[in-house]
């Protein structure tokens, strides 16, 4: 019984910290290292960690395929957490299965035709996109097979995070 009381007390403390101090614990997404992150308020820059609710059609596809879990976004999906790789004004294009940023090849981010279960991956944009105001290109350099802007294009971010403690 004592262990249960301690566990409940720890849970209450964690919920309090997450709610009032905007602290997030990444324990599930392979797109970032497992750890504790805090919300920050600043102008987005390259390599910042962003959190975003993806568009409805993309979210339904991601949830149905198991790429993202159900969650708190208005479309019923969990927000994605990725690094910012593109800012407003940048252009991204896929040519012959290779990602280009501002007409330069980005070779360390492969474009897969199939997911890890052998299913064809859908591209939600027309292979070329110039980012508008408030749009960002989000990708993971932590996991090669991340489902990110390479497949669903630029999105509007909700807020930024900064790592407090990386557990890996």
N, C-alpha and C. Protein backbone atom coordinates (compact mmCIF):
# COMPACT_ATOMS: atom_id res chain seq x y z
N UNK A 1 0.82 -1.19 0.00
CA UNK A 1 0.00 0.00 0.00
C UNK A 1 0.87 1.26 0.00
N UNK A 2 1.97 1.21 0.75
CA UNK A 2 2.86 2.36 0.82
C UNK A 2 3.46 2.68 -0.55
N UNK A 3 3.83 1.64 -1.32
CA UNK A 3 4.39 1.84 -2.67
C UNK A 3 3.37 2.51 -3.58
N UNK A 4 2.11 2.13 -3.44
CA UNK A 4 1.04 2.71 -4.24
C UNK A 4 0.89 4.20 -3.93
N UNK A 5 0.94 4.56 -2.68
CA UNK A 5 0.83 5.96 -2.27
C UNK A 5 2.00 6.77 -2.83
N UNK A 6 3.20 6.23 -2.76
CA UNK A 6 4.38 6.90 -3.30
C UNK A 6 4.25 7.08 -4.81
N UNK A 7 3.79 6.05 -5.50
CA UNK A 7 3.60 6.11 -6.94
C UNK A 7 2.58 7.18 -7.32
N UNK A 8 1.47 7.24 -6.62
CA UNK A 8 0.44 8.25 -6.88
C UNK A 8 1.01 9.64 -6.62
N UNK A 9 1.77 9.81 -5.55
CA UNK A 9 2.38 11.10 -5.23
C UNK A 9 3.35 11.53 -6.34
N UNK A 10 4.16 10.61 -6.84
CA UNK A 10 5.10 10.92 -7.93
C UNK A 10 4.34 11.31 -9.19
N UNK A 11 3.26 10.61 -9.50
CA UNK A 11 2.44 10.94 -10.66
C UNK A 11 1.86 12.34 -10.54
N UNK A 12 1.39 12.69 -9.37
CA UNK A 12 0.83 14.03 -9.15
C UNK A 12 1.90 15.10 -9.37
N UNK A 13 3.09 14.86 -8.88
CA UNK A 13 4.20 15.81 -9.07
C UNK A 13 4.53 15.96 -10.56
N UNK A 14 4.59 14.84 -11.27
CA UNK A 14 4.89 14.88 -12.71
C UNK A 14 3.82 15.67 -13.46
N UNK A 15 2.56 15.40 -13.17
CA UNK A 15 1.46 16.13 -13.83
C UNK A 15 1.55 17.62 -13.51
N UNK A 16 1.83 17.97 -12.26
CA UNK A 16 1.97 19.36 -11.86
C UNK A 16 3.09 20.03 -12.67
N UNK A 17 4.25 19.40 -12.74
CA UNK A 17 5.39 19.96 -13.49
C UNK A 17 5.06 20.13 -14.97
N UNK A 18 4.43 19.11 -15.54
CA UNK A 18 4.11 19.17 -16.97
C UNK A 18 3.11 20.29 -17.26
N UNK A 19 2.13 20.46 -16.40
CA UNK A 19 1.09 21.46 -16.64
C UNK A 19 1.59 22.88 -16.39
N UNK A 20 2.18 23.13 -15.26
CA UNK A 20 2.54 24.49 -14.88
C UNK A 20 3.88 24.95 -15.46
N UNK A 21 4.81 24.04 -15.67
CA UNK A 21 6.13 24.44 -16.17
C UNK A 21 6.36 24.02 -17.61
N UNK A 22 5.32 23.47 -18.25
CA UNK A 22 5.39 23.05 -19.66
C UNK A 22 6.57 22.12 -19.90
N UNK A 23 6.66 21.10 -19.07
CA UNK A 23 7.71 20.09 -19.20
C UNK A 23 7.11 18.87 -19.89
N UNK A 24 7.84 18.34 -20.85
CA UNK A 24 7.38 17.19 -21.63
C UNK A 24 8.39 16.07 -21.52
N UNK A 25 7.91 14.87 -21.41
CA UNK A 25 8.78 13.71 -21.32
C UNK A 25 8.64 12.91 -22.60
N UNK A 26 9.73 12.75 -23.35
CA UNK A 26 9.70 11.93 -24.56
C UNK A 26 10.11 10.52 -24.17
N UNK A 27 9.15 9.64 -24.20
CA UNK A 27 9.42 8.25 -23.90
C UNK A 27 9.01 7.34 -25.05
N UNK A 28 8.40 7.91 -26.09
CA UNK A 28 7.84 7.06 -27.12
C UNK A 28 8.33 7.32 -28.53
N UNK A 29 8.50 8.57 -28.93
CA UNK A 29 8.85 8.84 -30.32
C UNK A 29 10.33 8.55 -30.57
N UNK A 30 10.62 7.78 -31.62
CA UNK A 30 12.02 7.51 -31.95
C UNK A 30 12.67 8.67 -32.70
N UNK A 31 11.93 9.74 -32.96
CA UNK A 31 12.46 10.87 -33.72
C UNK A 31 13.43 11.74 -32.92
N UNK A 32 13.37 11.61 -31.60
CA UNK A 32 14.25 12.38 -30.71
C UNK A 32 14.76 11.46 -29.62
N UNK A 33 15.88 11.82 -29.01
CA UNK A 33 16.35 11.02 -27.88
C UNK A 33 15.33 11.04 -26.73
N UNK A 34 15.22 9.94 -26.02
CA UNK A 34 14.36 9.91 -24.84
C UNK A 34 14.91 10.90 -23.82
N UNK A 35 14.00 11.63 -23.18
CA UNK A 35 14.46 12.60 -22.21
C UNK A 35 13.36 13.53 -21.75
N UNK A 36 13.76 14.56 -21.05
CA UNK A 36 12.85 15.56 -20.51
C UNK A 36 13.12 16.87 -21.23
N UNK A 37 12.04 17.48 -21.73
CA UNK A 37 12.13 18.71 -22.51
C UNK A 37 11.25 19.78 -21.87
N UNK A 38 11.60 21.04 -22.07
CA UNK A 38 10.79 22.14 -21.54
C UNK A 38 10.40 23.07 -22.70
N UNK A 39 9.19 23.60 -22.62
CA UNK A 39 8.71 24.53 -23.63
C UNK A 39 9.46 25.86 -23.51
N UNK A 40 9.85 26.43 -24.66
CA UNK A 40 10.53 27.72 -24.67
C UNK A 40 9.78 28.67 -25.60
N UNK A 41 9.98 29.94 -25.39
CA UNK A 41 9.31 30.96 -26.20
C UNK A 41 10.39 31.78 -26.90
N UNK A 42 10.58 31.51 -28.20
CA UNK A 42 11.56 32.25 -28.98
C UNK A 42 11.22 32.10 -30.45
N UNK A 43 11.90 32.84 -31.28
CA UNK A 43 11.72 32.72 -32.72
C UNK A 43 12.35 31.42 -33.20
N UNK A 44 11.62 30.62 -33.98
CA UNK A 44 12.16 29.34 -34.44
C UNK A 44 13.42 29.51 -35.30
N UNK A 45 14.39 28.65 -35.04
CA UNK A 45 15.64 28.63 -35.80
C UNK A 45 15.92 27.20 -36.24
N UNK A 46 16.83 27.05 -37.20
CA UNK A 46 17.23 25.72 -37.64
C UNK A 46 17.74 24.91 -36.44
N UNK A 47 17.43 23.65 -36.42
CA UNK A 47 17.82 22.68 -35.38
C UNK A 47 17.07 22.82 -34.06
N UNK A 48 16.17 23.80 -33.93
CA UNK A 48 15.31 23.84 -32.75
C UNK A 48 14.40 22.63 -32.79
N UNK A 49 13.93 22.20 -31.65
CA UNK A 49 12.98 21.10 -31.57
C UNK A 49 11.57 21.69 -31.52
N UNK A 50 10.74 21.27 -32.47
CA UNK A 50 9.39 21.81 -32.58
C UNK A 50 8.35 20.73 -32.31
N UNK A 51 7.22 21.19 -31.85
CA UNK A 51 6.06 20.32 -31.64
C UNK A 51 4.94 20.86 -32.52
N UNK A 52 4.27 19.95 -33.24
CA UNK A 52 3.22 20.39 -34.15
C UNK A 52 2.13 19.34 -34.27
N UNK A 53 0.92 19.83 -34.44
CA UNK A 53 -0.20 18.97 -34.82
C UNK A 53 -0.25 19.00 -36.34
N UNK A 54 -0.17 17.83 -36.95
CA UNK A 54 -0.12 17.76 -38.41
C UNK A 54 -1.53 17.88 -38.99
N UNK A 55 -1.64 18.24 -40.28
CA UNK A 55 -2.96 18.42 -40.90
C UNK A 55 -3.83 17.16 -40.79
N UNK A 56 -5.15 17.38 -40.84
CA UNK A 56 -6.12 16.31 -40.60
C UNK A 56 -5.91 15.08 -41.47
N UNK A 57 -5.81 15.24 -42.78
CA UNK A 57 -5.67 14.10 -43.69
C UNK A 57 -4.39 13.32 -43.39
N UNK A 58 -3.32 14.05 -43.14
CA UNK A 58 -2.03 13.42 -42.83
C UNK A 58 -2.13 12.68 -41.49
N UNK A 59 -2.77 13.31 -40.51
CA UNK A 59 -2.92 12.70 -39.19
C UNK A 59 -3.72 11.40 -39.27
N UNK A 60 -4.83 11.41 -40.01
CA UNK A 60 -5.64 10.18 -40.14
C UNK A 60 -4.80 9.05 -40.74
N UNK A 61 -4.04 9.37 -41.78
CA UNK A 61 -3.18 8.40 -42.44
C UNK A 61 -2.14 7.86 -41.44
N UNK A 62 -1.50 8.77 -40.70
CA UNK A 62 -0.47 8.38 -39.73
C UNK A 62 -1.00 7.52 -38.60
N UNK A 63 -2.18 7.87 -38.09
CA UNK A 63 -2.78 7.09 -37.00
C UNK A 63 -3.21 5.72 -37.53
N UNK A 64 -3.86 5.68 -38.69
CA UNK A 64 -4.31 4.41 -39.26
C UNK A 64 -3.16 3.46 -39.55
N UNK A 65 -2.02 4.00 -39.92
CA UNK A 65 -0.85 3.17 -40.23
C UNK A 65 0.03 2.88 -39.02
N UNK A 66 -0.24 3.53 -37.90
CA UNK A 66 0.55 3.31 -36.70
C UNK A 66 1.83 4.12 -36.65
N UNK A 67 1.95 5.17 -37.48
CA UNK A 67 3.15 6.02 -37.45
C UNK A 67 3.11 6.97 -36.25
N UNK A 68 1.91 7.40 -35.88
CA UNK A 68 1.73 8.26 -34.71
C UNK A 68 0.53 7.73 -33.92
N UNK A 69 0.54 7.92 -32.61
CA UNK A 69 -0.60 7.44 -31.81
C UNK A 69 -1.75 8.46 -31.81
N UNK A 70 -2.89 8.01 -31.34
CA UNK A 70 -3.99 8.94 -31.10
C UNK A 70 -3.56 9.85 -29.96
N UNK A 71 -4.11 11.08 -29.98
CA UNK A 71 -3.67 12.00 -28.94
C UNK A 71 -4.50 13.25 -28.82
N UNK A 72 -3.86 14.33 -28.41
CA UNK A 72 -4.54 15.54 -27.96
C UNK A 72 -4.77 16.60 -29.04
N UNK A 73 -4.29 16.41 -30.26
CA UNK A 73 -4.55 17.39 -31.31
C UNK A 73 -6.03 17.35 -31.67
N UNK A 74 -6.55 18.44 -32.21
CA UNK A 74 -7.98 18.51 -32.50
C UNK A 74 -8.42 17.45 -33.51
N UNK A 75 -7.48 16.93 -34.30
CA UNK A 75 -7.82 15.87 -35.27
C UNK A 75 -7.69 14.47 -34.66
N UNK A 76 -7.38 14.40 -33.37
CA UNK A 76 -7.33 13.12 -32.68
C UNK A 76 -5.97 12.44 -32.67
N UNK A 77 -4.96 13.10 -33.24
CA UNK A 77 -3.62 12.50 -33.26
C UNK A 77 -2.74 13.13 -32.18
N UNK A 78 -1.61 12.49 -31.94
CA UNK A 78 -0.61 13.02 -31.03
C UNK A 78 0.25 14.02 -31.82
N UNK A 79 0.69 15.10 -31.21
CA UNK A 79 1.60 16.02 -31.92
C UNK A 79 2.92 15.32 -32.24
N UNK A 80 3.57 15.76 -33.33
CA UNK A 80 4.88 15.24 -33.67
C UNK A 80 5.94 16.15 -33.04
N UNK A 81 7.09 15.56 -32.70
CA UNK A 81 8.22 16.29 -32.15
C UNK A 81 9.41 16.02 -33.06
N UNK A 82 9.90 17.06 -33.74
CA UNK A 82 11.00 16.92 -34.70
C UNK A 82 11.88 18.17 -34.65
N UNK A 83 13.05 18.05 -35.27
CA UNK A 83 13.93 19.21 -35.43
C UNK A 83 13.50 20.04 -36.64
N UNK A 84 13.73 21.34 -36.55
CA UNK A 84 13.44 22.24 -37.67
C UNK A 84 14.62 22.18 -38.64
N UNK A 85 14.32 21.78 -39.88
CA UNK A 85 15.33 21.73 -40.93
C UNK A 85 15.08 22.75 -42.03
N UNK A 86 13.93 23.41 -41.99
CA UNK A 86 13.63 24.42 -43.00
C UNK A 86 12.78 25.53 -42.42
N UNK A 87 13.10 26.76 -42.83
CA UNK A 87 12.43 27.96 -42.36
C UNK A 87 11.67 28.60 -43.51
N UNK A 88 10.76 29.55 -43.22
CA UNK A 88 10.05 30.23 -44.29
C UNK A 88 11.02 30.78 -45.35
N UNK A 89 10.68 30.53 -46.63
CA UNK A 89 11.52 30.95 -47.74
C UNK A 89 12.37 29.82 -48.30
N UNK A 90 12.66 28.79 -47.50
CA UNK A 90 13.43 27.64 -48.00
C UNK A 90 12.56 26.84 -48.96
N UNK A 91 13.22 26.17 -49.91
CA UNK A 91 12.48 25.29 -50.82
C UNK A 91 12.98 23.86 -50.65
N UNK A 92 12.06 22.92 -50.77
CA UNK A 92 12.36 21.50 -50.69
C UNK A 92 11.76 20.80 -51.89
N UNK A 93 12.53 19.85 -52.42
CA UNK A 93 12.07 19.12 -53.59
C UNK A 93 12.65 17.71 -53.56
N UNK A 94 11.85 16.76 -54.02
CA UNK A 94 12.34 15.39 -54.18
C UNK A 94 12.53 15.15 -55.67
N UNK A 95 13.77 14.88 -56.06
CA UNK A 95 14.10 14.55 -57.46
C UNK A 95 14.73 13.18 -57.49
N UNK A 96 14.15 12.28 -58.26
CA UNK A 96 14.68 10.92 -58.40
C UNK A 96 14.93 10.26 -57.04
N UNK A 97 14.02 10.47 -56.10
CA UNK A 97 14.14 9.83 -54.79
C UNK A 97 15.15 10.47 -53.86
N UNK A 98 15.64 11.67 -54.20
CA UNK A 98 16.65 12.35 -53.38
C UNK A 98 16.10 13.71 -52.94
N UNK A 99 16.26 14.04 -51.66
CA UNK A 99 15.79 15.30 -51.12
C UNK A 99 16.77 16.43 -51.43
N UNK A 100 16.21 17.56 -51.88
CA UNK A 100 17.00 18.77 -52.14
C UNK A 100 16.44 19.91 -51.29
N UNK A 101 17.34 20.67 -50.68
CA UNK A 101 16.95 21.88 -49.96
C UNK A 101 17.62 23.05 -50.64
N UNK A 102 16.82 24.02 -51.08
CA UNK A 102 17.34 25.19 -51.80
C UNK A 102 18.26 24.76 -52.95
N UNK A 103 17.82 23.73 -53.69
CA UNK A 103 18.51 23.16 -54.86
C UNK A 103 19.78 22.39 -54.54
N UNK A 104 20.09 22.17 -53.28
CA UNK A 104 21.27 21.39 -52.89
C UNK A 104 20.83 20.03 -52.35
N UNK A 105 21.55 18.98 -52.74
CA UNK A 105 21.21 17.62 -52.32
C UNK A 105 21.48 17.45 -50.82
N UNK A 106 20.52 16.83 -50.16
CA UNK A 106 20.70 16.44 -48.75
C UNK A 106 20.77 14.91 -48.76
N UNK A 107 21.96 14.39 -48.78
CA UNK A 107 22.14 12.95 -49.01
C UNK A 107 21.91 12.09 -47.77
N UNK A 108 21.98 12.66 -46.59
CA UNK A 108 21.85 11.84 -45.38
C UNK A 108 20.40 11.67 -44.92
N UNK A 109 19.43 12.03 -45.76
CA UNK A 109 18.02 11.84 -45.46
C UNK A 109 17.35 11.10 -46.61
N UNK A 110 17.40 9.76 -46.57
CA UNK A 110 16.83 8.99 -47.67
C UNK A 110 15.30 9.14 -47.73
N UNK A 111 14.79 9.01 -48.93
CA UNK A 111 13.34 9.00 -49.15
C UNK A 111 12.97 7.55 -49.43
N UNK A 112 12.21 6.98 -48.54
CA UNK A 112 11.82 5.58 -48.69
C UNK A 112 10.52 5.47 -49.48
N UNK A 113 10.42 4.44 -50.30
CA UNK A 113 9.19 4.17 -51.04
C UNK A 113 8.22 3.34 -50.21
N UNK A 114 8.78 2.56 -49.27
CA UNK A 114 7.96 1.66 -48.46
C UNK A 114 8.30 1.84 -46.98
N UNK A 115 7.30 1.62 -46.12
CA UNK A 115 7.56 1.70 -44.69
C UNK A 115 8.15 0.38 -44.19
N UNK A 116 8.38 0.28 -42.89
CA UNK A 116 9.04 -0.91 -42.33
C UNK A 116 8.20 -2.17 -42.45
N UNK A 117 6.92 -2.03 -42.77
CA UNK A 117 6.04 -3.19 -42.97
C UNK A 117 5.85 -3.53 -44.45
N UNK A 118 6.59 -2.82 -45.33
CA UNK A 118 6.50 -3.10 -46.76
C UNK A 118 5.36 -2.39 -47.47
N UNK A 119 4.68 -1.46 -46.80
CA UNK A 119 3.57 -0.72 -47.40
C UNK A 119 4.10 0.53 -48.10
N UNK A 120 3.52 0.85 -49.27
CA UNK A 120 3.93 2.05 -50.00
C UNK A 120 3.66 3.29 -49.15
N UNK A 121 4.60 4.23 -49.16
CA UNK A 121 4.45 5.47 -48.42
C UNK A 121 3.84 6.54 -49.32
N UNK A 122 2.85 7.22 -48.81
CA UNK A 122 2.17 8.29 -49.55
C UNK A 122 2.92 9.60 -49.38
N UNK A 123 3.00 10.37 -50.45
CA UNK A 123 3.59 11.70 -50.42
C UNK A 123 2.43 12.69 -50.44
N UNK A 124 2.33 13.55 -49.42
CA UNK A 124 1.19 14.47 -49.28
C UNK A 124 1.42 15.84 -49.91
N UNK A 125 2.52 16.02 -50.61
CA UNK A 125 2.73 17.29 -51.31
C UNK A 125 3.29 16.96 -52.69
N UNK A 126 3.41 17.96 -53.54
CA UNK A 126 3.74 17.74 -54.95
C UNK A 126 5.23 17.71 -55.25
N UNK A 127 6.02 17.11 -54.36
CA UNK A 127 7.46 16.95 -54.53
C UNK A 127 8.26 18.23 -54.56
N UNK A 128 7.62 19.40 -54.61
CA UNK A 128 8.35 20.66 -54.49
C UNK A 128 7.51 21.61 -53.65
N UNK A 129 8.17 22.25 -52.70
CA UNK A 129 7.45 23.14 -51.81
C UNK A 129 8.36 24.26 -51.36
N UNK A 130 7.86 25.50 -51.48
CA UNK A 130 8.54 26.66 -50.92
C UNK A 130 7.79 27.04 -49.66
N UNK A 131 8.50 27.14 -48.55
CA UNK A 131 7.86 27.36 -47.26
C UNK A 131 7.35 28.79 -47.13
N UNK A 132 6.08 28.91 -46.78
CA UNK A 132 5.45 30.21 -46.56
C UNK A 132 5.72 30.69 -45.14
N UNK A 133 5.26 31.89 -44.85
CA UNK A 133 5.35 32.43 -43.49
C UNK A 133 4.73 31.46 -42.50
N UNK A 134 5.39 31.22 -41.42
CA UNK A 134 4.94 30.32 -40.34
C UNK A 134 4.99 28.85 -40.71
N UNK A 135 5.53 28.47 -41.86
CA UNK A 135 5.69 27.06 -42.21
C UNK A 135 7.13 26.64 -41.94
N UNK A 136 7.28 25.40 -41.50
CA UNK A 136 8.61 24.86 -41.19
C UNK A 136 8.71 23.44 -41.70
N UNK A 137 9.91 23.03 -42.05
CA UNK A 137 10.19 21.67 -42.50
C UNK A 137 10.77 20.91 -41.32
N UNK A 138 10.06 19.89 -40.87
CA UNK A 138 10.46 19.15 -39.68
C UNK A 138 10.94 17.76 -40.05
N UNK A 139 12.13 17.39 -39.56
CA UNK A 139 12.69 16.06 -39.83
C UNK A 139 13.44 15.58 -38.60
N UNK A 140 13.76 14.30 -38.63
CA UNK A 140 14.56 13.72 -37.56
C UNK A 140 15.92 13.30 -38.10
N UNK A 141 16.97 13.74 -37.44
CA UNK A 141 18.30 13.24 -37.76
C UNK A 141 18.71 12.17 -36.75
N UNK A 142 17.74 11.76 -35.94
CA UNK A 142 17.97 10.74 -34.91
C UNK A 142 17.52 9.36 -35.38
N UNK A 143 16.54 9.32 -36.29
CA UNK A 143 16.01 8.05 -36.81
C UNK A 143 15.85 8.16 -38.32
N UNK A 144 16.53 7.31 -39.07
CA UNK A 144 16.46 7.34 -40.54
C UNK A 144 15.05 7.14 -41.07
N UNK A 145 14.28 6.29 -40.42
CA UNK A 145 12.96 5.95 -40.94
C UNK A 145 11.84 6.80 -40.32
N UNK A 146 12.17 7.99 -39.88
CA UNK A 146 11.18 8.87 -39.29
C UNK A 146 10.15 9.27 -40.34
N UNK A 147 8.89 9.30 -39.95
CA UNK A 147 7.82 9.79 -40.81
C UNK A 147 7.71 11.29 -40.55
N UNK A 148 8.17 12.11 -41.48
CA UNK A 148 8.31 13.53 -41.23
C UNK A 148 8.01 14.33 -42.49
N UNK A 149 8.49 15.56 -42.58
CA UNK A 149 8.17 16.46 -43.69
C UNK A 149 8.60 15.91 -45.05
N UNK A 150 9.50 14.94 -45.08
CA UNK A 150 9.85 14.31 -46.36
C UNK A 150 8.62 13.68 -47.00
N UNK A 151 7.63 13.33 -46.19
CA UNK A 151 6.43 12.65 -46.68
C UNK A 151 5.18 13.52 -46.59
N UNK A 152 5.10 14.45 -45.63
CA UNK A 152 3.89 15.26 -45.52
C UNK A 152 4.11 16.75 -45.75
N UNK A 153 5.32 17.18 -46.06
CA UNK A 153 5.57 18.57 -46.39
C UNK A 153 5.70 19.48 -45.18
N UNK A 154 5.69 20.76 -45.46
CA UNK A 154 5.86 21.78 -44.41
C UNK A 154 4.60 21.87 -43.57
N UNK A 155 4.80 22.20 -42.30
CA UNK A 155 3.67 22.37 -41.39
C UNK A 155 3.90 23.56 -40.48
N UNK A 156 2.83 24.01 -39.85
CA UNK A 156 2.92 25.10 -38.87
C UNK A 156 3.20 24.49 -37.51
N UNK A 157 4.18 25.05 -36.82
CA UNK A 157 4.55 24.49 -35.52
C UNK A 157 3.70 25.14 -34.42
N UNK A 158 3.51 24.39 -33.34
CA UNK A 158 2.73 24.88 -32.21
C UNK A 158 3.62 25.58 -31.19
N UNK A 159 4.76 24.97 -30.86
CA UNK A 159 5.69 25.56 -29.91
C UNK A 159 7.03 24.85 -30.01
N UNK A 160 8.02 25.38 -29.31
CA UNK A 160 9.39 24.85 -29.34
C UNK A 160 9.73 24.23 -27.99
N UNK A 161 10.63 23.25 -28.04
CA UNK A 161 11.12 22.60 -26.82
C UNK A 161 12.64 22.69 -26.75
N UNK A 162 13.14 22.63 -25.54
CA UNK A 162 14.58 22.57 -25.30
C UNK A 162 14.84 21.38 -24.38
N UNK A 163 15.85 20.55 -24.70
CA UNK A 163 16.13 19.42 -23.81
C UNK A 163 16.63 19.88 -22.44
N UNK A 164 16.09 19.28 -21.40
CA UNK A 164 16.59 19.51 -20.04
C UNK A 164 17.51 18.37 -19.63
N UNK A 165 17.08 17.15 -19.96
CA UNK A 165 17.83 15.96 -19.58
C UNK A 165 17.61 14.88 -20.62
N UNK A 166 18.69 14.45 -21.27
CA UNK A 166 18.62 13.37 -22.25
C UNK A 166 18.99 12.08 -21.53
N UNK A 167 18.13 11.07 -21.69
CA UNK A 167 18.31 9.82 -20.93
C UNK A 167 19.05 8.75 -21.71
N UNK A 168 19.39 8.99 -22.96
CA UNK A 168 20.09 7.99 -23.76
C UNK A 168 21.50 8.45 -24.05
